[in-house]
């Protein structure tokens, strides 16, 4: 990409000049989008080349994507958060999804996966369960955020069905791309991840709520100190994040519970900690 020659008649601009142009565009378009109830979703550079045809690319890094949503502060100015392109630039897709979700700028999702040998330069698109991104964790984060917009399971890989039925075509045909069979496979995979994430989240939250209610009941009765209540509530909040963080958080909850002076409260809270741990996914 960086070695492609400039196109005839295309001006060569600096990185900041392109950003100035982009800001000019956003300042004029985003208010119209807001008025119309439209949420803009810009796609990151893919491939994420820093320079192409002589011009810097302004959406080729996580820093660029963050700059975009900070340039015009509005939910109408958002991103297509990409499960594939994010690891292509060497960043964790779930972490970045969480960052953008906290700012309410997740306006569209592209759901595919890659393996990466060297960020930006050597990577390959693969089946969704084979790559760098934990696609279940990514979908689960969308469920946690209450995301209710589009998810595109894009760039299908070639299946034997597609090869045998001549349905492979388009710009990705020469690099392992698939056809309608691959599209159905990827869509089915995405739907399965969504259903699994919904099951996990709907089943888990009530249990954590029960634990917090128990802590609050003993605090109100004077059996749990204010500091211990705060520590146990913080542990429950941490346990409501991704599963790999939950076990350590519940262990912290149990440690505090075991130090409670009141015997009844201590027994009930340590029992609740054991129950929470039993609910962790295996």
Protein backbone atom coordinates (compact mmCIF):
# COMPACT_ATOMS: atom_id res chain seq x y z
CA UNK A 1 0.00 0.00 0.00
CA UNK A 2 2.71 2.49 0.97
CA UNK A 3 4.50 1.97 -2.35
CA UNK A 4 1.49 2.61 -4.58
CA UNK A 5 2.00 5.76 -6.66
CA UNK A 6 -0.28 8.78 -6.19
CA UNK A 7 -3.23 8.91 -8.56
CA UNK A 8 -2.95 11.56 -11.29
CA UNK A 9 -4.67 14.75 -10.23
CA UNK A 10 -4.92 13.79 -6.56
CA UNK A 11 -3.30 16.41 -4.28
CA UNK A 12 -0.76 15.28 -1.70
CA UNK A 13 -1.68 16.48 1.79
CA UNK A 14 -0.16 16.23 5.24
CA UNK A 15 -1.71 14.17 8.03
CA UNK A 16 -2.97 17.30 9.82
CA UNK A 17 -4.36 18.81 6.61
CA UNK A 18 -6.48 15.71 6.10
CA UNK A 19 -7.67 15.91 9.68
CA UNK A 20 -8.59 19.57 9.14
CA UNK A 21 -10.66 18.51 6.13
CA UNK A 22 -12.28 15.74 8.13
CA UNK A 23 -13.19 18.12 10.95
CA UNK A 24 -14.69 20.53 8.40
CA UNK A 25 -16.85 17.65 7.13
CA UNK A 26 -17.92 16.53 10.62
CA UNK A 27 -18.78 20.07 11.75
CA UNK A 28 -21.26 20.34 8.90
CA UNK A 29 -22.63 16.81 8.60
CA UNK A 30 -22.99 15.62 12.21
CA UNK A 31 -25.58 18.27 13.20
CA UNK A 32 -27.71 17.20 10.23
CA UNK A 33 -27.34 13.56 11.26
CA UNK A 34 -28.36 14.42 14.83
CA UNK A 35 -31.45 16.25 13.61
CA UNK A 36 -32.42 13.29 11.44
CA UNK A 37 -31.79 10.68 14.17
CA UNK A 38 -28.94 9.12 12.16
CA UNK A 39 -25.80 7.65 13.70
CA UNK A 40 -22.77 7.84 11.40
CA UNK A 41 -20.40 4.85 11.51
CA UNK A 42 -17.05 5.35 9.83
CA UNK A 43 -15.08 2.25 8.85
CA UNK A 44 -11.38 2.16 9.83
CA UNK A 45 -8.69 1.94 7.18
CA UNK A 46 -8.53 -1.64 5.95
CA UNK A 47 -5.84 -2.57 5.17
CA UNK A 48 -4.65 -0.27 7.98
CA UNK A 49 -1.82 1.28 5.99
CA UNK A 50 -0.30 4.43 7.48
CA UNK A 51 0.23 5.85 3.99
CA UNK A 52 -1.43 4.97 0.68
CA UNK A 53 -0.82 6.46 -2.76
CA UNK A 54 1.32 9.19 -1.24
CA UNK A 55 -1.21 10.40 1.30
CA UNK A 56 -1.31 9.71 5.05
CA UNK A 57 -4.27 7.67 6.22
CA UNK A 58 -6.13 9.21 9.14
CA UNK A 59 -8.06 6.13 10.35
CA UNK A 60 -5.23 3.61 10.49
CA UNK A 61 -4.66 3.29 14.26
CA UNK A 62 -6.49 3.10 17.55
CA UNK A 63 -5.23 6.62 18.32
CA UNK A 64 -6.84 7.82 15.07
CA UNK A 65 -10.15 6.17 15.92
CA UNK A 66 -10.17 7.75 19.36
CA UNK A 67 -9.32 11.12 17.82
CA UNK A 68 -12.26 10.77 15.45
CA UNK A 69 -14.85 10.35 18.19
CA UNK A 70 -13.27 13.16 20.21
CA UNK A 71 -13.24 15.54 17.24
CA UNK A 72 -17.01 15.99 17.35
CA UNK A 73 -18.62 14.99 20.64
CA UNK A 74 -21.87 13.33 19.61
CA UNK A 75 -23.28 9.78 19.46
CA UNK A 76 -24.06 10.61 15.84
CA UNK A 77 -20.29 10.65 15.19
CA UNK A 78 -19.32 7.05 15.79
CA UNK A 79 -17.49 4.04 14.46
CA UNK A 80 -17.89 0.72 12.81
CA UNK A 81 -16.06 -1.15 15.57
CA UNK A 82 -14.18 -3.94 13.87
CA UNK A 83 -13.37 -7.32 15.43
CA UNK A 84 -10.86 -7.97 12.63
CA UNK A 85 -9.15 -4.67 11.82
CA UNK A 86 -8.49 -3.89 15.51
CA UNK A 87 -6.07 -6.83 15.94
CA UNK A 88 -4.64 -6.04 12.50
CA UNK A 89 -3.18 -2.89 14.10
CA UNK A 90 -2.01 -4.83 17.17
CA UNK A 91 -4.80 -3.96 19.62
CA UNK A 92 -7.29 -6.09 21.54
CA UNK A 93 -10.71 -5.84 19.92
CA UNK A 94 -12.73 -6.47 23.08
CA UNK A 95 -10.81 -3.83 25.02
CA UNK A 96 -11.37 -1.27 22.28
CA UNK A 97 -15.06 -2.18 22.00
CA UNK A 98 -15.40 -1.54 25.72
CA UNK A 99 -13.71 1.85 25.33
CA UNK A 100 -15.97 2.97 22.49
CA UNK A 101 -19.07 1.57 24.20
CA UNK A 102 -18.37 3.64 27.30
CA UNK A 103 -18.60 6.72 25.07
CA UNK A 104 -21.77 5.51 23.28
CA UNK A 105 -20.09 5.58 19.87
CA UNK A 106 -20.55 1.95 18.75
CA UNK A 107 -22.73 2.65 15.72
CA UNK A 108 -22.06 -0.48 13.68
CA UNK A 109 -20.16 -3.77 14.04
CA UNK A 110 -18.07 -5.80 11.61
CA UNK A 111 -17.66 -9.32 12.93
CA UNK A 112 -14.75 -11.26 11.45
CA UNK A 113 -11.42 -12.61 12.64
CA UNK A 114 -7.75 -12.62 11.65
CA UNK A 115 -4.45 -14.21 12.57
CA UNK A 116 -1.61 -11.71 12.88
CA UNK A 117 2.10 -12.39 12.43
CA UNK A 118 3.10 -8.71 12.30
CA UNK A 119 0.57 -5.92 12.86
CA UNK A 120 -0.31 -3.97 9.69
CA UNK A 121 1.96 -6.04 7.48
CA UNK A 122 1.41 -9.79 7.84
CA UNK A 123 -2.03 -11.02 8.78
CA UNK A 124 -4.67 -13.28 7.28
CA UNK A 125 -8.45 -13.37 7.42
CA UNK A 126 -9.66 -16.68 8.85
CA UNK A 127 -12.81 -18.44 10.00
CA UNK A 128 -14.32 -16.60 12.98
CA UNK A 129 -13.28 -19.21 15.57
CA UNK A 130 -9.62 -19.37 14.46
CA UNK A 131 -8.18 -15.90 14.98
CA UNK A 132 -6.84 -13.38 17.47
CA UNK A 133 -10.18 -12.01 18.68
CA UNK A 134 -12.21 -13.87 21.28
CA UNK A 135 -15.44 -13.64 19.31
CA UNK A 136 -17.60 -14.82 22.20
CA UNK A 137 -16.12 -12.19 24.52
CA UNK A 138 -16.65 -9.59 21.78
CA UNK A 139 -20.32 -10.55 21.38
CA UNK A 140 -20.79 -10.76 25.13
CA UNK A 141 -19.50 -7.21 25.48
CA UNK A 142 -22.06 -6.07 22.92
CA UNK A 143 -24.80 -7.73 24.98
CA UNK A 144 -23.48 -6.10 28.15
CA UNK A 145 -23.63 -2.71 26.45
CA UNK A 146 -27.20 -3.26 25.27
CA UNK A 147 -26.10 -2.80 21.68
CA UNK A 148 -29.09 -3.00 19.33
CA UNK A 149 -27.79 -1.98 15.92
CA UNK A 150 -26.31 -3.89 13.01
CA UNK A 151 -23.74 -6.70 13.09
CA UNK A 152 -22.18 -7.73 9.77
CA UNK A 153 -20.45 -11.11 9.68
CA UNK A 154 -18.32 -10.20 6.69
CA UNK A 155 -15.60 -11.60 4.41
CA UNK A 156 -16.59 -15.29 4.49
CA UNK A 157 -13.90 -17.92 3.98
CA UNK A 158 -14.22 -20.52 1.23
CA UNK A 159 -16.08 -23.74 2.03
CA UNK A 160 -16.15 -26.87 -0.13
CA UNK A 161 -19.82 -26.13 -0.81
CA UNK A 162 -18.85 -22.83 -2.44
CA UNK A 163 -16.05 -24.41 -4.45
CA UNK A 164 -18.25 -27.23 -5.68
CA UNK A 165 -21.13 -24.95 -6.61
CA UNK A 166 -19.14 -22.16 -8.23
CA UNK A 167 -20.41 -19.48 -5.85
CA UNK A 168 -17.02 -17.91 -5.08
CA UNK A 169 -16.53 -14.52 -6.65
CA UNK A 170 -15.80 -10.88 -6.00
CA UNK A 171 -12.68 -9.10 -4.81
CA UNK A 172 -11.75 -11.74 -2.20
CA UNK A 173 -11.96 -14.77 -4.48
CA UNK A 174 -8.19 -14.89 -4.95
CA UNK A 175 -7.33 -14.69 -1.25
CA UNK A 176 -9.41 -17.47 0.25
CA UNK A 177 -12.75 -15.69 0.17
CA UNK A 178 -15.95 -17.71 0.05
CA UNK A 179 -19.46 -17.44 -1.29
CA UNK A 180 -22.99 -17.95 -0.06
CA UNK A 181 -22.07 -21.04 1.97
CA UNK A 182 -19.41 -19.09 3.82
CA UNK A 183 -21.83 -16.24 4.43
CA UNK A 184 -24.34 -18.64 5.96
CA UNK A 185 -21.61 -20.21 8.10
CA UNK A 186 -20.45 -16.84 9.44
CA UNK A 187 -23.98 -15.60 10.06
CA UNK A 188 -24.87 -18.80 11.89
CA UNK A 189 -21.71 -18.50 13.99
CA UNK A 190 -22.57 -14.91 14.91
CA UNK A 191 -26.12 -15.89 15.84
CA UNK A 192 -24.80 -18.73 18.02
CA UNK A 193 -22.41 -16.37 19.81
CA UNK A 194 -25.29 -13.93 20.38
CA UNK A 195 -27.52 -16.63 21.86
CA UNK A 196 -24.72 -17.91 24.10
CA UNK A 197 -23.92 -14.38 25.30
CA UNK A 198 -27.59 -13.69 26.06
CA UNK A 199 -27.87 -16.91 28.05
CA UNK A 200 -24.73 -16.12 30.05
CA UNK A 201 -25.73 -12.54 30.82
CA UNK A 202 -29.38 -13.22 31.66
CA UNK A 203 -28.40 -16.04 33.99
CA UNK A 204 -25.53 -14.30 35.72
CA UNK A 205 -26.81 -10.85 36.62
CA UNK A 206 -29.64 -11.97 38.96
CA UNK A 207 -27.18 -14.05 41.01
CA UNK A 208 -24.88 -11.05 41.46
CA UNK A 209 -27.87 -8.91 42.40
CA UNK A 210 -28.83 -11.47 45.07
CA UNK A 211 -25.29 -11.32 46.48
CA UNK A 212 -25.35 -7.53 46.65
CA UNK A 213 -28.77 -7.59 48.33
CA UNK A 214 -27.38 -9.98 50.97
CA UNK A 215 -24.43 -7.67 51.64
CA UNK A 216 -26.74 -4.69 51.97
CA UNK A 217 -29.07 -6.56 54.34
CA UNK A 218 -26.26 -7.43 56.74
CA UNK A 219 -24.88 -3.89 56.48
CA UNK A 220 -28.29 -2.44 57.36
CA UNK A 221 -28.44 -4.80 60.36
CA UNK A 222 -25.04 -3.59 61.57
CA UNK A 223 -23.39 -6.95 60.95
CA UNK A 224 -21.10 -5.73 58.14
CA UNK A 225 -18.86 -2.67 58.37
CA UNK A 226 -19.08 0.14 55.83
CA UNK A 227 -15.56 -0.54 54.51
CA UNK A 228 -16.27 -4.26 54.09
CA UNK A 229 -19.54 -3.52 52.33
CA UNK A 230 -17.72 -1.23 49.89
CA UNK A 231 -15.05 -3.86 49.18
CA UNK A 232 -17.59 -6.63 48.60
CA UNK A 233 -19.72 -4.45 46.32
CA UNK A 234 -16.61 -3.51 44.33
CA UNK A 235 -15.78 -7.20 43.97
CA UNK A 236 -19.28 -7.95 42.69
CA UNK A 237 -19.00 -5.14 40.18
CA UNK A 238 -15.70 -6.58 38.95
CA UNK A 239 -17.25 -10.04 38.75
CA UNK A 240 -19.85 -8.67 36.35
CA UNK A 241 -17.14 -8.11 33.75
CA UNK A 242 -15.70 -10.75 31.45
CA UNK A 243 -15.53 -14.27 32.80
CA UNK A 244 -11.73 -14.35 33.05
CA UNK A 245 -11.91 -11.52 35.62
CA UNK A 246 -14.77 -12.99 37.62
CA UNK A 247 -13.01 -15.75 39.58
CA UNK A 248 -10.43 -13.42 41.12
CA UNK A 249 -13.15 -10.91 41.98
CA UNK A 250 -15.24 -13.56 43.73
CA UNK A 251 -12.15 -14.72 45.62
CA UNK A 252 -11.75 -11.14 46.89
CA UNK A 253 -15.42 -11.15 47.93
CA UNK A 254 -14.85 -14.40 49.83
CA UNK A 255 -11.74 -13.03 51.57
CA UNK A 256 -13.69 -10.05 52.89
CA UNK A 257 -16.63 -12.25 53.89
CA UNK A 258 -14.37 -14.57 55.91
CA UNK A 259 -13.14 -11.58 57.92
CA UNK A 260 -16.62 -10.42 58.98
CA UNK A 261 -16.98 -10.54 62.78
CA UNK A 262 -20.66 -11.44 62.95
CA UNK A 263 -20.94 -15.24 62.75
CA UNK A 264 -24.29 -15.36 60.94
CA UNK A 265 -23.24 -12.78 58.37
CA UNK A 266 -19.88 -14.49 57.87
CA UNK A 267 -21.50 -17.89 57.28
CA UNK A 268 -24.12 -16.52 54.86
CA UNK A 269 -21.67 -14.41 52.87
CA UNK A 270 -19.03 -17.13 52.54
CA UNK A 271 -21.77 -19.51 51.43
CA UNK A 272 -22.86 -16.96 48.83
CA UNK A 273 -19.25 -16.67 47.63
CA UNK A 274 -19.08 -20.43 47.12
CA UNK A 275 -22.35 -20.32 45.21
CA UNK A 276 -21.11 -17.48 42.98
CA UNK A 277 -17.98 -19.44 42.21
CA UNK A 278 -20.03 -22.49 41.26
CA UNK A 279 -21.87 -20.38 38.70
CA UNK A 280 -18.68 -19.43 36.84
CA UNK A 281 -18.52 -20.77 33.27
CA UNK A 282 -16.11 -23.67 32.84
